[in-house]
Amino acid sequence: MKNLEVIRPKALSKILSVSLPTLWRMEQRGDLPKRVSISERAVGWLKSDIEEWLESKKIEA
């Protein structure tokens, strides 16, 4: 079963060492995993999806 912990945008921008606008641009380009809705106005990314994505980026480098 996937880890259902959610990383909010501000926390993800810190993890990736990018600004929030850069995070949104990365998402628009399709460079991030699909985000999830937490509520009507709140979004985030599953921690497990981000970990897999980062691992795949490490392999590409």
N, C-alpha and C. Protein backbone atom coordinates (compact mmCIF):
# COMPACT_ATOMS: atom_id res chain seq x y z
N MET A 1 0.84 -1.19 0.00
CA MET A 1 0.00 0.00 0.00
C MET A 1 0.88 1.25 0.00
N LYS A 2 0.48 2.23 -0.78
CA LYS A 2 1.25 3.47 -0.88
C LYS A 2 1.13 4.29 0.40
N ASN A 3 2.20 5.02 0.68
CA ASN A 3 2.21 5.95 1.78
C ASN A 3 1.28 7.10 1.42
N LEU A 4 0.31 7.38 2.27
CA LEU A 4 -0.66 8.43 1.97
C LEU A 4 -0.29 9.79 2.56
N GLU A 5 0.94 9.92 3.02
CA GLU A 5 1.39 11.21 3.52
C GLU A 5 1.48 12.18 2.35
N VAL A 6 0.99 13.40 2.57
CA VAL A 6 0.93 14.40 1.51
C VAL A 6 1.94 15.52 1.80
N ILE A 7 2.65 15.92 0.78
CA ILE A 7 3.60 17.04 0.88
C ILE A 7 2.94 18.25 0.23
N ARG A 8 2.79 19.31 1.00
CA ARG A 8 2.17 20.52 0.49
C ARG A 8 3.17 21.30 -0.37
N PRO A 9 2.69 22.21 -1.23
CA PRO A 9 3.57 22.93 -2.15
C PRO A 9 4.74 23.65 -1.49
N LYS A 10 4.51 24.34 -0.39
CA LYS A 10 5.59 25.09 0.26
C LYS A 10 6.68 24.13 0.73
N ALA A 11 6.28 23.01 1.30
CA ALA A 11 7.26 22.02 1.77
C ALA A 11 8.01 21.40 0.60
N LEU A 12 7.29 21.11 -0.49
CA LEU A 12 7.95 20.51 -1.66
C LEU A 12 8.94 21.48 -2.28
N SER A 13 8.59 22.76 -2.32
CA SER A 13 9.53 23.74 -2.88
C SER A 13 10.82 23.78 -2.06
N LYS A 14 10.70 23.61 -0.74
CA LYS A 14 11.90 23.58 0.11
C LYS A 14 12.70 22.31 -0.13
N ILE A 15 12.01 21.18 -0.24
CA ILE A 15 12.68 19.90 -0.49
C ILE A 15 13.48 19.97 -1.79
N LEU A 16 12.88 20.56 -2.82
CA LEU A 16 13.51 20.63 -4.14
C LEU A 16 14.43 21.85 -4.29
N SER A 17 14.45 22.72 -3.30
CA SER A 17 15.24 23.96 -3.34
C SER A 17 14.88 24.83 -4.54
N VAL A 18 13.58 24.99 -4.76
CA VAL A 18 13.09 25.87 -5.82
C VAL A 18 12.02 26.78 -5.22
N SER A 19 11.75 27.88 -5.91
CA SER A 19 10.69 28.79 -5.46
C SER A 19 9.32 28.20 -5.80
N LEU A 20 8.29 28.74 -5.17
CA LEU A 20 6.94 28.28 -5.50
C LEU A 20 6.58 28.52 -6.97
N PRO A 21 6.90 29.69 -7.54
CA PRO A 21 6.61 29.86 -8.97
C PRO A 21 7.33 28.83 -9.84
N THR A 22 8.56 28.48 -9.50
CA THR A 22 9.28 27.46 -10.26
C THR A 22 8.59 26.11 -10.10
N LEU A 23 8.11 25.81 -8.90
CA LEU A 23 7.39 24.56 -8.66
C LEU A 23 6.16 24.49 -9.56
N TRP A 24 5.40 25.59 -9.66
CA TRP A 24 4.21 25.60 -10.50
C TRP A 24 4.59 25.46 -11.98
N ARG A 25 5.69 26.08 -12.39
CA ARG A 25 6.13 25.92 -13.79
C ARG A 25 6.52 24.47 -14.07
N MET A 26 7.21 23.85 -13.11
CA MET A 26 7.59 22.44 -13.28
C MET A 26 6.34 21.58 -13.44
N GLU A 27 5.32 21.88 -12.65
CA GLU A 27 4.08 21.12 -12.74
C GLU A 27 3.41 21.33 -14.10
N GLN A 28 3.36 22.57 -14.56
CA GLN A 28 2.74 22.87 -15.86
C GLN A 28 3.45 22.16 -17.01
N ARG A 29 4.77 22.01 -16.90
CA ARG A 29 5.55 21.32 -17.93
C ARG A 29 5.41 19.81 -17.84
N GLY A 30 4.81 19.32 -16.76
CA GLY A 30 4.68 17.88 -16.57
C GLY A 30 5.93 17.27 -15.97
N ASP A 31 6.75 18.07 -15.31
CA ASP A 31 8.00 17.60 -14.72
C ASP A 31 7.83 17.02 -13.32
N LEU A 32 6.62 17.07 -12.78
CA LEU A 32 6.36 16.55 -11.43
C LEU A 32 5.29 15.45 -11.52
N PRO A 33 5.24 14.59 -10.50
CA PRO A 33 4.14 13.63 -10.45
C PRO A 33 2.81 14.37 -10.34
N LYS A 34 1.72 13.67 -10.62
CA LYS A 34 0.40 14.28 -10.53
C LYS A 34 0.08 14.65 -9.09
N ARG A 35 -0.44 15.85 -8.92
CA ARG A 35 -0.79 16.29 -7.57
C ARG A 35 -2.15 15.71 -7.17
N VAL A 36 -2.44 15.77 -5.88
CA VAL A 36 -3.72 15.29 -5.35
C VAL A 36 -4.43 16.46 -4.68
N SER A 37 -5.75 16.42 -4.71
CA SER A 37 -6.54 17.42 -4.01
C SER A 37 -6.76 16.97 -2.58
N ILE A 38 -6.49 17.86 -1.66
CA ILE A 38 -6.71 17.57 -0.24
C ILE A 38 -8.09 18.08 0.16
N SER A 39 -8.43 19.23 -0.36
CA SER A 39 -9.75 19.82 -0.16
C SER A 39 -10.03 20.69 -1.38
N GLU A 40 -11.08 21.46 -1.31
CA GLU A 40 -11.45 22.30 -2.45
C GLU A 40 -10.34 23.27 -2.86
N ARG A 41 -9.59 23.78 -1.88
CA ARG A 41 -8.56 24.78 -2.18
C ARG A 41 -7.15 24.36 -1.82
N ALA A 42 -6.97 23.11 -1.43
CA ALA A 42 -5.65 22.65 -1.00
C ALA A 42 -5.19 21.47 -1.84
N VAL A 43 -3.92 21.53 -2.27
CA VAL A 43 -3.35 20.44 -3.06
C VAL A 43 -2.01 20.03 -2.46
N GLY A 44 -1.52 18.91 -2.94
CA GLY A 44 -0.23 18.43 -2.50
C GLY A 44 0.17 17.24 -3.35
N TRP A 45 1.26 16.61 -2.99
CA TRP A 45 1.76 15.45 -3.71
C TRP A 45 1.96 14.33 -2.71
N LEU A 46 1.66 13.10 -3.12
CA LEU A 46 1.90 11.96 -2.25
C LEU A 46 3.40 11.82 -2.04
N LYS A 47 3.80 11.65 -0.80
CA LYS A 47 5.21 11.51 -0.47
C LYS A 47 5.83 10.35 -1.24
N SER A 48 5.10 9.25 -1.37
CA SER A 48 5.61 8.08 -2.08
C SER A 48 5.86 8.40 -3.56
N ASP A 49 4.97 9.20 -4.18
CA ASP A 49 5.16 9.58 -5.58
C ASP A 49 6.40 10.46 -5.74
N ILE A 50 6.60 11.40 -4.81
CA ILE A 50 7.76 12.28 -4.87
C ILE A 50 9.04 11.48 -4.67
N GLU A 51 9.03 10.54 -3.71
CA GLU A 51 10.22 9.71 -3.48
C GLU A 51 10.58 8.90 -4.72
N GLU A 52 9.58 8.29 -5.37
CA GLU A 52 9.82 7.53 -6.61
C GLU A 52 10.35 8.44 -7.71
N TRP A 53 9.76 9.62 -7.84
CA TRP A 53 10.16 10.57 -8.86
C TRP A 53 11.61 11.01 -8.64
N LEU A 54 11.97 11.32 -7.39
CA LEU A 54 13.34 11.73 -7.08
C LEU A 54 14.31 10.59 -7.37
N GLU A 55 13.93 9.37 -7.05
CA GLU A 55 14.78 8.22 -7.32
C GLU A 55 15.00 8.06 -8.82
N SER A 56 13.96 8.27 -9.61
CA SER A 56 14.10 8.16 -11.07
C SER A 56 15.00 9.26 -11.62
N LYS A 57 14.96 10.44 -11.01
CA LYS A 57 15.82 11.55 -11.44
C LYS A 57 17.28 11.24 -11.12
N LYS A 58 17.51 10.57 -9.98
CA LYS A 58 18.87 10.20 -9.59
C LYS A 58 19.45 9.20 -10.59
N ILE A 59 18.62 8.29 -11.07
CA ILE A 59 19.07 7.28 -12.04
C ILE A 59 19.41 7.95 -13.38
N GLU A 60 18.61 8.96 -13.78
CA GLU A 60 18.83 9.66 -15.05
C GLU A 60 20.12 10.46 -15.05
N ALA A 61 20.49 10.98 -13.89
CA ALA A 61 21.64 11.90 -13.81
C ALA A 61 22.96 11.23 -14.05
